[in-house]
Structure formats: structure tokens, C-alpha cells
PDB file of N, CA and C in Angstrom:
ATOM      1  N   MET A   1     -55.833 -60.334 -43.825  1.00  0.00           N
ATOM      2  CA  MET A   1     -56.602 -59.725 -44.877  1.00  0.00           C
ATOM      3  C   MET A   1     -56.945 -60.821 -45.887  1.00  0.00           C
ATOM      4  N   SER A   2     -58.170 -61.296 -45.823  1.00  0.00           N
ATOM      5  CA  SER A   2     -58.596 -62.368 -46.689  1.00  0.00           C
ATOM      6  C   SER A   2     -59.755 -61.882 -47.545  1.00  0.00           C
ATOM      7  N   HIS A   3     -59.679 -62.130 -48.837  1.00  0.00           N
ATOM      8  CA  HIS A   3     -60.732 -61.708 -49.754  1.00  0.00           C
ATOM      9  C   HIS A   3     -61.232 -62.921 -50.510  1.00  0.00           C
ATOM     10  N   GLN A   4     -62.539 -63.119 -50.505  1.00  0.00           N
ATOM     11  CA  GLN A   4     -63.155 -64.238 -51.214  1.00  0.00           C
ATOM     12  C   GLN A   4     -63.984 -63.703 -52.373  1.00  0.00           C
ATOM     13  N   PHE A   5     -63.872 -64.325 -53.531  1.00  0.00           N
ATOM     14  CA  PHE A   5     -64.638 -63.936 -54.705  1.00  0.00           C
ATOM     15  C   PHE A   5     -65.417 -65.124 -55.217  1.00  0.00           C
ATOM     16  N   ASP A   6     -66.590 -64.851 -55.746  1.00  0.00           N
ATOM     17  CA  ASP A   6     -67.331 -65.858 -56.492  1.00  0.00           C
ATOM     18  C   ASP A   6     -67.214 -65.439 -57.948  1.00  0.00           C
ATOM     19  N   PHE A   7     -66.190 -65.969 -58.628  1.00  0.00           N
ATOM     20  CA  PHE A   7     -65.874 -65.518 -59.975  1.00  0.00           C
ATOM     21  C   PHE A   7     -66.972 -65.844 -60.988  1.00  0.00           C
ATOM     22  N   THR A   8     -67.858 -66.764 -60.657  1.00  0.00           N
ATOM     23  CA  THR A   8     -68.918 -67.117 -61.610  1.00  0.00           C
ATOM     24  C   THR A   8     -69.991 -66.039 -61.683  1.00  0.00           C
ATOM     25  N   LYS A   9     -70.105 -65.200 -60.653  1.00  0.00           N
ATOM     26  CA  LYS A   9     -71.167 -64.191 -60.612  1.00  0.00           C
ATOM     27  C   LYS A   9     -70.662 -62.761 -60.763  1.00  0.00           C
ATOM     28  N   THR A  10     -69.381 -62.572 -61.018  1.00  0.00           N
ATOM     29  CA  THR A  10     -68.849 -61.211 -61.116  1.00  0.00           C
ATOM     30  C   THR A  10     -68.353 -60.936 -62.528  1.00  0.00           C
ATOM     31  N   THR A  11     -68.374 -59.656 -62.881  1.00  0.00           N
ATOM     32  CA  THR A  11     -67.866 -59.255 -64.193  1.00  0.00           C
ATOM     33  C   THR A  11     -66.404 -58.867 -64.063  1.00  0.00           C
ATOM     34  N   THR A  12     -65.764 -58.725 -65.190  1.00  0.00           N
ATOM     35  CA  THR A  12     -64.347 -58.347 -65.201  1.00  0.00           C
ATOM     36  C   THR A  12     -64.142 -56.984 -64.562  1.00  0.00           C
ATOM     37  N   ASP A  13     -65.054 -56.058 -64.805  1.00  0.00           N
ATOM     38  CA  ASP A  13     -64.944 -54.710 -64.226  1.00  0.00           C
ATOM     39  C   ASP A  13     -65.046 -54.753 -62.711  1.00  0.00           C
ATOM     40  N   GLU A  14     -65.944 -55.596 -62.182  1.00  0.00           N
ATOM     41  CA  GLU A  14     -66.084 -55.719 -60.729  1.00  0.00           C
ATOM     42  C   GLU A  14     -64.819 -56.302 -60.113  1.00  0.00           C
ATOM     43  N   ILE A  15     -64.262 -57.303 -60.785  1.00  0.00           N
ATOM     44  CA  ILE A  15     -63.024 -57.919 -60.287  1.00  0.00           C
ATOM     45  C   ILE A  15     -61.896 -56.894 -60.316  1.00  0.00           C
ATOM     46  N   ALA A  16     -61.787 -56.130 -61.399  1.00  0.00           N
ATOM     47  CA  ALA A  16     -60.737 -55.107 -61.513  1.00  0.00           C
ATOM     48  C   ALA A  16     -60.885 -54.049 -60.425  1.00  0.00           C
ATOM     49  N   ALA A  17     -62.119 -53.657 -60.129  1.00  0.00           N
ATOM     50  CA  ALA A  17     -62.353 -52.663 -59.084  1.00  0.00           C
ATOM     51  C   ALA A  17     -61.942 -53.213 -57.719  1.00  0.00           C
ATOM     52  N   GLU A  18     -62.265 -54.470 -57.452  1.00  0.00           N
ATOM     53  CA  GLU A  18     -61.903 -55.092 -56.177  1.00  0.00           C
ATOM     54  C   GLU A  18     -60.389 -55.215 -56.042  1.00  0.00           C
ATOM     55  N   VAL A  19     -59.718 -55.601 -57.120  1.00  0.00           N
ATOM     56  CA  VAL A  19     -58.259 -55.721 -57.102  1.00  0.00           C
ATOM     57  C   VAL A  19     -57.622 -54.357 -56.866  1.00  0.00           C
ATOM     58  N   ALA A  20     -58.165 -53.317 -57.493  1.00  0.00           N
ATOM     59  CA  ALA A  20     -57.625 -51.965 -57.296  1.00  0.00           C
ATOM     60  C   ALA A  20     -57.803 -51.533 -55.842  1.00  0.00           C
ATOM     61  N   LYS A  21     -58.938 -51.887 -55.251  1.00  0.00           N
ATOM     62  CA  LYS A  21     -59.189 -51.527 -53.850  1.00  0.00           C
ATOM     63  C   LYS A  21     -58.193 -52.241 -52.928  1.00  0.00           C
ATOM     64  N   ILE A  22     -57.947 -53.518 -53.193  1.00  0.00           N
ATOM     65  CA  ILE A  22     -56.993 -54.288 -52.386  1.00  0.00           C
ATOM     66  C   ILE A  22     -55.583 -53.718 -52.554  1.00  0.00           C
ATOM     67  N   ALA A  23     -55.211 -53.374 -53.783  1.00  0.00           N
ATOM     68  CA  ALA A  23     -53.879 -52.806 -54.038  1.00  0.00           C
ATOM     69  C   ALA A  23     -53.701 -51.490 -53.296  1.00  0.00           C
ATOM     70  N   ALA A  24     -54.753 -50.681 -53.222  1.00  0.00           N
ATOM     71  CA  ALA A  24     -54.674 -49.413 -52.495  1.00  0.00           C
ATOM     72  C   ALA A  24     -54.460 -49.667 -51.006  1.00  0.00           C
ATOM     73  N   GLU A  25     -55.158 -50.674 -50.444  1.00  0.00           N
ATOM     74  CA  GLU A  25     -54.979 -51.023 -49.035  1.00  0.00           C
ATOM     75  C   GLU A  25     -53.547 -51.454 -48.757  1.00  0.00           C
ATOM     76  N   VAL A  26     -53.018 -52.303 -49.638  1.00  0.00           N
ATOM     77  CA  VAL A  26     -51.663 -52.827 -49.450  1.00  0.00           C
ATOM     78  C   VAL A  26     -50.636 -51.707 -49.532  1.00  0.00           C
ATOM     79  N   SER A  27     -50.781 -50.813 -50.519  1.00  0.00           N
ATOM     80  CA  SER A  27     -49.805 -49.733 -50.655  1.00  0.00           C
ATOM     81  C   SER A  27     -49.885 -48.784 -49.458  1.00  0.00           C
ATOM     82  N   LYS A  28     -51.094 -48.566 -48.924  1.00  0.00           N
ATOM     83  CA  LYS A  28     -51.245 -47.710 -47.743  1.00  0.00           C
ATOM     84  C   LYS A  28     -50.551 -48.352 -46.543  1.00  0.00           C
ATOM     85  N   ASP A  29     -50.719 -49.675 -46.392  1.00  0.00           N
ATOM     86  CA  ASP A  29     -50.047 -50.389 -45.305  1.00  0.00           C
ATOM     87  C   ASP A  29     -48.532 -50.287 -45.434  1.00  0.00           C
ATOM     88  N   LEU A  30     -48.028 -50.446 -46.655  1.00  0.00           N
ATOM     89  CA  LEU A  30     -46.579 -50.368 -46.868  1.00  0.00           C
ATOM     90  C   LEU A  30     -46.049 -48.978 -46.544  1.00  0.00           C
ATOM     91  N   GLU A  31     -46.765 -47.933 -46.949  1.00  0.00           N
ATOM     92  CA  GLU A  31     -46.337 -46.569 -46.651  1.00  0.00           C
ATOM     93  C   GLU A  31     -46.310 -46.329 -45.147  1.00  0.00           C
ATOM     94  N   MET A  32     -47.308 -46.862 -44.442  1.00  0.00           N
ATOM     95  CA  MET A  32     -47.377 -46.676 -43.001  1.00  0.00           C
ATOM     96  C   MET A  32     -46.189 -47.382 -42.335  1.00  0.00           C
ATOM     97  N   LYS A  33     -45.892 -48.596 -42.773  1.00  0.00           N
ATOM     98  CA  LYS A  33     -44.771 -49.327 -42.186  1.00  0.00           C
ATOM     99  C   LYS A  33     -43.454 -48.614 -42.475  1.00  0.00           C
ATOM    100  N   GLU A  34     -43.329 -48.067 -43.677  1.00  0.00           N
ATOM    101  CA  GLU A  34     -42.110 -47.345 -44.047  1.00  0.00           C
ATOM    102  C   GLU A  34     -41.936 -46.111 -43.166  1.00  0.00           C
ATOM    103  N   SER A  35     -43.028 -45.380 -42.919  1.00  0.00           N
ATOM    104  CA  SER A  35     -42.923 -44.179 -42.080  1.00  0.00           C
ATOM    105  C   SER A  35     -42.616 -44.569 -40.640  1.00  0.00           C
ATOM    106  N   GLU A  36     -43.151 -45.712 -40.172  1.00  0.00           N
ATOM    107  CA  GLU A  36     -42.821 -46.177 -38.821  1.00  0.00           C
ATOM    108  C   GLU A  36     -41.333 -46.474 -38.718  1.00  0.00           C
ATOM    109  N   ARG A  37     -40.809 -47.166 -39.738  1.00  0.00           N
ATOM    110  CA  ARG A  37     -39.379 -47.500 -39.729  1.00  0.00           C
ATOM    111  C   ARG A  37     -38.528 -46.242 -39.723  1.00  0.00           C
ATOM    112  N   LYS A  38     -38.925 -45.254 -40.510  1.00  0.00           N
ATOM    113  CA  LYS A  38     -38.179 -44.005 -40.585  1.00  0.00           C
ATOM    114  C   LYS A  38     -38.202 -43.298 -39.233  1.00  0.00           C
ATOM    115  N   GLY A  39     -39.361 -43.300 -38.572  1.00  0.00           N
ATOM    116  CA  GLY A  39     -39.478 -42.674 -37.261  1.00  0.00           C
ATOM    117  C   GLY A  39     -38.606 -43.364 -36.232  1.00  0.00           C
ATOM    118  N   ILE A  40     -38.577 -44.697 -36.266  1.00  0.00           N
ATOM    119  CA  ILE A  40     -37.750 -45.455 -35.325  1.00  0.00           C
ATOM    120  C   ILE A  40     -36.272 -45.147 -35.571  1.00  0.00           C
ATOM    121  N   LYS A  41     -35.885 -45.067 -36.847  1.00  0.00           N
ATOM    122  CA  LYS A  41     -34.491 -44.774 -37.180  1.00  0.00           C
ATOM    123  C   LYS A  41     -34.099 -43.386 -36.670  1.00  0.00           C
ATOM    124  N   GLU A  42     -35.002 -42.395 -36.850  1.00  0.00           N
ATOM    125  CA  GLU A  42     -34.693 -41.039 -36.386  1.00  0.00           C
ATOM    126  C   GLU A  42     -34.583 -40.994 -34.866  1.00  0.00           C
ATOM    127  N   GLU A  43     -35.464 -41.712 -34.161  1.00  0.00           N
ATOM    128  CA  GLU A  43     -35.387 -41.750 -32.693  1.00  0.00           C
ATOM    129  C   GLU A  43     -34.079 -42.388 -32.245  1.00  0.00           C
ATOM    130  N   LYS A  44     -33.687 -43.462 -32.935  1.00  0.00           N
ATOM    131  CA  LYS A  44     -32.452 -44.155 -32.580  1.00  0.00           C
ATOM    132  C   LYS A  44     -31.249 -43.230 -32.778  1.00  0.00           C
ATOM    133  N   GLU A  45     -31.238 -42.514 -33.911  1.00  0.00           N
ATOM    134  CA  GLU A  45     -30.136 -41.579 -34.155  1.00  0.00           C
ATOM    135  C   GLU A  45     -30.108 -40.479 -33.101  1.00  0.00           C
ATOM    136  N   LYS A  46     -31.267 -39.976 -32.721  1.00  0.00           N
ATOM    137  CA  LYS A  46     -31.344 -38.935 -31.710  1.00  0.00           C
ATOM    138  C   LYS A  46     -30.768 -39.441 -30.392  1.00  0.00           C
ATOM    139  N   PHE A  47     -31.060 -40.694 -30.069  1.00  0.00           N
ATOM    140  CA  PHE A  47     -30.570 -41.301 -28.842  1.00  0.00           C
ATOM    141  C   PHE A  47     -29.053 -41.456 -28.878  1.00  0.00           C
ATOM    142  N   LEU A  48     -28.502 -41.740 -30.067  1.00  0.00           N
ATOM    143  CA  LEU A  48     -27.067 -42.001 -30.176  1.00  0.00           C
ATOM    144  C   LEU A  48     -26.219 -40.735 -30.339  1.00  0.00           C
ATOM    145  N   ARG A  49     -26.847 -39.581 -30.458  1.00  0.00           N
ATOM    146  CA  ARG A  49     -26.063 -38.352 -30.633  1.00  0.00           C
ATOM    147  C   ARG A  49     -25.480 -37.890 -29.292  1.00  0.00           C
ATOM    148  N   ASP A  50     -24.252 -37.420 -29.349  1.00  0.00           N
ATOM    149  CA  ASP A  50     -23.635 -36.882 -28.135  1.00  0.00           C
ATOM    150  C   ASP A  50     -23.966 -35.393 -28.019  1.00  0.00           C
ATOM    151  N   GLU A  51     -23.367 -34.720 -27.043  1.00  0.00           N
ATOM    152  CA  GLU A  51     -23.711 -33.311 -26.819  1.00  0.00           C
ATOM    153  C   GLU A  51     -23.260 -32.390 -27.953  1.00  0.00           C
ATOM    154  N   TYR A  52     -22.362 -32.848 -28.827  1.00  0.00           N
ATOM    155  CA  TYR A  52     -21.907 -32.025 -29.937  1.00  0.00           C
ATOM    156  C   TYR A  52     -22.687 -32.297 -31.221  1.00  0.00           C
ATOM    157  N   GLY A  53     -23.629 -33.237 -31.167  1.00  0.00           N
ATOM    158  CA  GLY A  53     -24.453 -33.513 -32.339  1.00  0.00           C
ATOM    159  C   GLY A  53     -23.910 -34.595 -33.242  1.00  0.00           C
ATOM    160  N   LYS A  54     -22.750 -35.166 -32.887  1.00  0.00           N
ATOM    161  CA  LYS A  54     -22.211 -36.247 -33.706  1.00  0.00           C
ATOM    162  C   LYS A  54     -22.841 -37.560 -33.266  1.00  0.00           C
ATOM    163  N   ILE A  55     -22.990 -38.471 -34.221  1.00  0.00           N
ATOM    164  CA  ILE A  55     -23.554 -39.772 -33.885  1.00  0.00           C
ATOM    165  C   ILE A  55     -22.457 -40.620 -33.249  1.00  0.00           C
ATOM    166  N   VAL A  56     -22.760 -41.147 -32.084  1.00  0.00           N
ATOM    167  CA  VAL A  56     -21.805 -41.985 -31.369  1.00  0.00           C
ATOM    168  C   VAL A  56     -22.346 -43.399 -31.373  1.00  0.00           C
ATOM    169  N   LEU A  57     -21.607 -44.295 -31.961  1.00  0.00           N
ATOM    170  CA  LEU A  57     -22.054 -45.685 -31.984  1.00  0.00           C
ATOM    171  C   LEU A  57     -21.662 -46.363 -30.684  1.00  0.00           C
ATOM    172  N   PRO A  58     -22.514 -47.242 -30.194  1.00  0.00           N
ATOM    173  CA  PRO A  58     -22.169 -47.937 -28.954  1.00  0.00           C
ATOM    174  C   PRO A  58     -20.932 -48.807 -29.141  1.00  0.00           C
ATOM    175  N   LYS A  59     -20.115 -48.839 -28.116  1.00  0.00           N
ATOM    176  CA  LYS A  59     -18.899 -49.646 -28.197  1.00  0.00           C
ATOM    177  C   LYS A  59     -19.272 -51.114 -28.010  1.00  0.00           C
ATOM    178  N   THR A  60     -18.709 -51.953 -28.838  1.00  0.00           N
ATOM    179  CA  THR A  60     -18.986 -53.387 -28.720  1.00  0.00           C
ATOM    180  C   THR A  60     -17.730 -54.089 -28.256  1.00  0.00           C
ATOM    181  N   SER A  61     -17.909 -55.093 -27.482  1.00  0.00           N
ATOM    182  CA  SER A  61     -16.740 -55.849 -27.027  1.00  0.00           C
ATOM    183  C   SER A  61     -16.420 -56.904 -28.073  1.00  0.00           C
ATOM    184  N   ARG A  62     -15.141 -57.118 -28.255  1.00  0.00           N
ATOM    185  CA  ARG A  62     -14.707 -58.120 -29.232  1.00  0.00           C
ATOM    186  C   ARG A  62     -13.996 -59.239 -28.491  1.00  0.00           C
ATOM    187  N   ARG A  63     -14.349 -60.429 -28.855  1.00  0.00           N
ATOM    188  CA  ARG A  63     -13.657 -61.572 -28.255  1.00  0.00           C
ATOM    189  C   ARG A  63     -12.490 -61.977 -29.138  1.00  0.00           C
ATOM    190  N   ARG A  64     -11.411 -62.272 -28.499  1.00  0.00           N
ATOM    191  CA  ARG A  64     -10.256 -62.751 -29.265  1.00  0.00           C
ATOM    192  C   ARG A  64     -10.298 -64.265 -29.335  1.00  0.00           C
ATOM    193  N   MET A  65      -9.907 -64.766 -30.480  1.00  0.00           N
ATOM    194  CA  MET A  65      -9.928 -66.223 -30.650  1.00  0.00           C
ATOM    195  C   MET A  65      -8.564 -66.805 -30.429  1.00  0.00           C
TER     196      MET A  65
END
């Protein structure tokens, strides 16, 4: 996402409007990424639940030193 401005030919109001438009795009992207993360987390939890509905964490092997 690259935005180029010719500041010599634009007014302050035009610049403010462009910045507001860019900020709206960025916040929309962040919300979308947040909802994707939430969806992935819910799918992962669903996968880790046992037949009784409790979350079962995968067993990890530990190496002894």
C-alpha cells in the first residue's frame, strides 16, 4: 500500500481527507486480521476438545538433561 502526494499542489483539507481514507483502510485491515486470528483460535480449541467438551492440550515430550 503505497501513497504518493504532491504536497505543493494540495490543500490541507485534501491531505486530511486522504489521511483519513488511509487510516480507514488500515483499521479495516486490522479488524479483518483480528477476526481471522479469532477464527483460527476457535477452530484450534474445537480441535483440542475431547468428547466431554474439556480442552485437552497435546502432550509434549520432555528431554532430561
